[in-house]
C-alpha atoms as a PDB file:
ATOM      1  CA  MET A   1      72.028 107.795 179.150  1.00  0.00           C
ATOM      2  CA  LYS A   2      72.883 105.434 176.297  1.00  0.00           C
ATOM      3  CA  LYS A   3      73.600 106.949 172.879  1.00  0.00           C
ATOM      4  CA  ILE A   4      71.168 105.897 170.117  1.00  0.00           C
ATOM      5  CA  PRO A   5      72.989 105.143 166.825  1.00  0.00           C
ATOM      6  CA  THR A   6      71.686 107.117 163.858  1.00  0.00           C
ATOM      7  CA  ARG A   7      72.008 106.603 160.116  1.00  0.00           C
ATOM      8  CA  ARG A   8      71.116 108.659 157.034  1.00  0.00           C
ATOM      9  CA  CYS A   9      68.468 107.470 154.544  1.00  0.00           C
ATOM     10  CA  VAL A  10      70.024 107.355 151.053  1.00  0.00           C
ATOM     11  CA  VAL A  11      66.718 108.446 149.491  1.00  0.00           C
ATOM     12  CA  THR A  12      65.550 111.393 151.613  1.00  0.00           C
ATOM     13  CA  LYS A  13      68.926 112.253 153.261  1.00  0.00           C
ATOM     14  CA  GLU A  14      67.120 112.455 156.634  1.00  0.00           C
ATOM     15  CA  VAL A  15      68.807 111.106 159.774  1.00  0.00           C
ATOM     16  CA  PHE A  16      66.907 108.458 161.745  1.00  0.00           C
ATOM     17  CA  PRO A  17      67.632 106.100 164.640  1.00  0.00           C
ATOM     18  CA  LYS A  18      69.092 102.912 163.163  1.00  0.00           C
ATOM     19  CA  GLU A  19      66.027 100.778 164.032  1.00  0.00           C
ATOM     20  CA  GLU A  20      63.759 103.010 161.916  1.00  0.00           C
ATOM     21  CA  LEU A  21      65.645 102.101 158.735  1.00  0.00           C
ATOM     22  CA  PHE A  22      66.041  99.067 156.469  1.00  0.00           C
ATOM     23  CA  ARG A  23      69.626  98.087 155.663  1.00  0.00           C
ATOM     24  CA  VAL A  24      70.271  96.735 152.183  1.00  0.00           C
ATOM     25  CA  VAL A  25      73.676  95.115 151.702  1.00  0.00           C
ATOM     26  CA  ARG A  26      75.855  94.160 148.749  1.00  0.00           C
ATOM     27  CA  THR A  27      77.787  91.181 150.068  1.00  0.00           C
ATOM     28  CA  PRO A  28      81.433  90.572 149.123  1.00  0.00           C
ATOM     29  CA  SER A  29      80.192  87.826 146.759  1.00  0.00           C
ATOM     30  CA  GLY A  30      78.047  90.384 144.862  1.00  0.00           C
ATOM     31  CA  GLU A  31      74.648  89.320 146.198  1.00  0.00           C
ATOM     32  CA  VAL A  32      72.126  91.950 147.343  1.00  0.00           C
ATOM     33  CA  ILE A  33      70.272  91.128 150.578  1.00  0.00           C
ATOM     34  CA  LEU A  34      67.906  92.811 153.016  1.00  0.00           C
ATOM     35  CA  ASP A  35      69.812  92.806 156.306  1.00  0.00           C
ATOM     36  CA  MET A  36      67.366  92.642 159.216  1.00  0.00           C
ATOM     37  CA  THR A  37      70.135  92.073 161.801  1.00  0.00           C
ATOM     38  CA  GLY A  38      72.190  95.127 160.838  1.00  0.00           C
ATOM     39  CA  LYS A  39      75.361  93.065 161.087  1.00  0.00           C
ATOM     40  CA  ALA A  40      75.754  91.493 157.627  1.00  0.00           C
ATOM     41  CA  ASN A  41      79.171  91.840 156.029  1.00  0.00           C
ATOM     42  CA  GLY A  42      79.390  94.087 152.970  1.00  0.00           C
ATOM     43  CA  ARG A  43      78.533  97.542 151.673  1.00  0.00           C
ATOM     44  CA  GLY A  44      75.287  98.791 153.211  1.00  0.00           C
ATOM     45  CA  ALA A  45      72.748 101.487 152.437  1.00  0.00           C
ATOM     46  CA  TYR A  46      69.831 102.590 154.616  1.00  0.00           C
ATOM     47  CA  VAL A  47      66.238 103.323 153.545  1.00  0.00           C
ATOM     48  CA  SER A  48      63.579 104.701 155.897  1.00  0.00           C
ATOM     49  CA  LYS A  49      60.667 102.434 156.764  1.00  0.00           C
ATOM     50  CA  ARG A  50      58.036 104.328 154.770  1.00  0.00           C
ATOM     51  CA  GLU A  51      56.315 102.892 151.718  1.00  0.00           C
ATOM     52  CA  GLU A  52      56.579 106.137 149.722  1.00  0.00           C
ATOM     53  CA  THR A  53      60.333 106.284 150.368  1.00  0.00           C
ATOM     54  CA  ILE A  54      60.793 102.668 149.260  1.00  0.00           C
ATOM     55  CA  GLU A  55      58.838 103.311 146.048  1.00  0.00           C
ATOM     56  CA  LEU A  56      60.879 106.466 145.385  1.00  0.00           C
ATOM     57  CA  ALA A  57      64.087 104.457 145.849  1.00  0.00           C
ATOM     58  CA  ARG A  58      62.798 101.886 143.327  1.00  0.00           C
ATOM     59  CA  LYS A  59      61.758 104.561 140.809  1.00  0.00           C
ATOM     60  CA  LYS A  60      64.978 106.608 140.996  1.00  0.00           C
ATOM     61  CA  LYS A  61      67.275 103.562 141.437  1.00  0.00           C
ATOM     62  CA  VAL A  62      68.917 105.204 144.449  1.00  0.00           C
ATOM     63  CA  LEU A  63      70.036 101.874 145.946  1.00  0.00           C
ATOM     64  CA  ASP A  64      71.586 100.828 142.618  1.00  0.00           C
ATOM     65  CA  LYS A  65      73.798 103.924 142.762  1.00  0.00           C
ATOM     66  CA  ALA A  66      74.607 103.614 146.484  1.00  0.00           C
ATOM     67  CA  LEU A  67      75.535  99.918 146.289  1.00  0.00           C
ATOM     68  CA  GLU A  68      77.052 100.120 142.791  1.00  0.00           C
ATOM     69  CA  ILE A  69      75.027  97.086 141.641  1.00  0.00           C
ATOM     70  CA  GLU A  70      71.525  96.469 140.267  1.00  0.00           C
ATOM     71  CA  VAL A  71      69.113  95.842 143.147  1.00  0.00           C
ATOM     72  CA  PRO A  72      66.408  93.261 142.308  1.00  0.00           C
ATOM     73  CA  ASN A  73      62.733  94.239 142.688  1.00  0.00           C
ATOM     74  CA  GLU A  74      62.288  91.450 145.263  1.00  0.00           C
ATOM     75  CA  ILE A  75      64.278  93.526 147.774  1.00  0.00           C
ATOM     76  CA  TYR A  76      61.826  96.437 147.474  1.00  0.00           C
ATOM     77  CA  ASP A  77      58.869  94.029 147.593  1.00  0.00           C
ATOM     78  CA  ARG A  78      60.221  92.395 150.782  1.00  0.00           C
ATOM     79  CA  MET A  79      60.617  95.799 152.459  1.00  0.00           C
ATOM     80  CA  ILE A  80      57.006  96.745 151.635  1.00  0.00           C
ATOM     81  CA  LEU A  81      55.754  93.310 152.749  1.00  0.00           C
ATOM     82  CA  PHE A  82      57.598  93.709 156.052  1.00  0.00           C
ATOM     83  CA  LEU A  83      55.936  97.104 156.601  1.00  0.00           C
ATOM     84  CA  LYS A  84      52.475  95.644 155.985  1.00  0.00           C
ATOM     85  CA  MET A  85      53.126  92.775 158.411  1.00  0.00           C
ATOM     86  CA  LYS A  86      53.921  95.155 161.290  1.00  0.00           C
END
């Protein structure tokens, strides 16, 4: 049986399978991106794919602390938009 990779959500501290999380990355050039491939180069942080968790991350600036850079609101908006498209 193949092992399923797991990651911890930086907001709730819960452990989820990797595909149930968004990965937000601070690239080496200092840009913040939403990494849908899970392979982008840079410092990454994971957020669970729940709207309330995303809003909590925005409110408490959890991603700003995890990535050590200010995360633009567009990143949070893109995560919520992706959830609504599913």
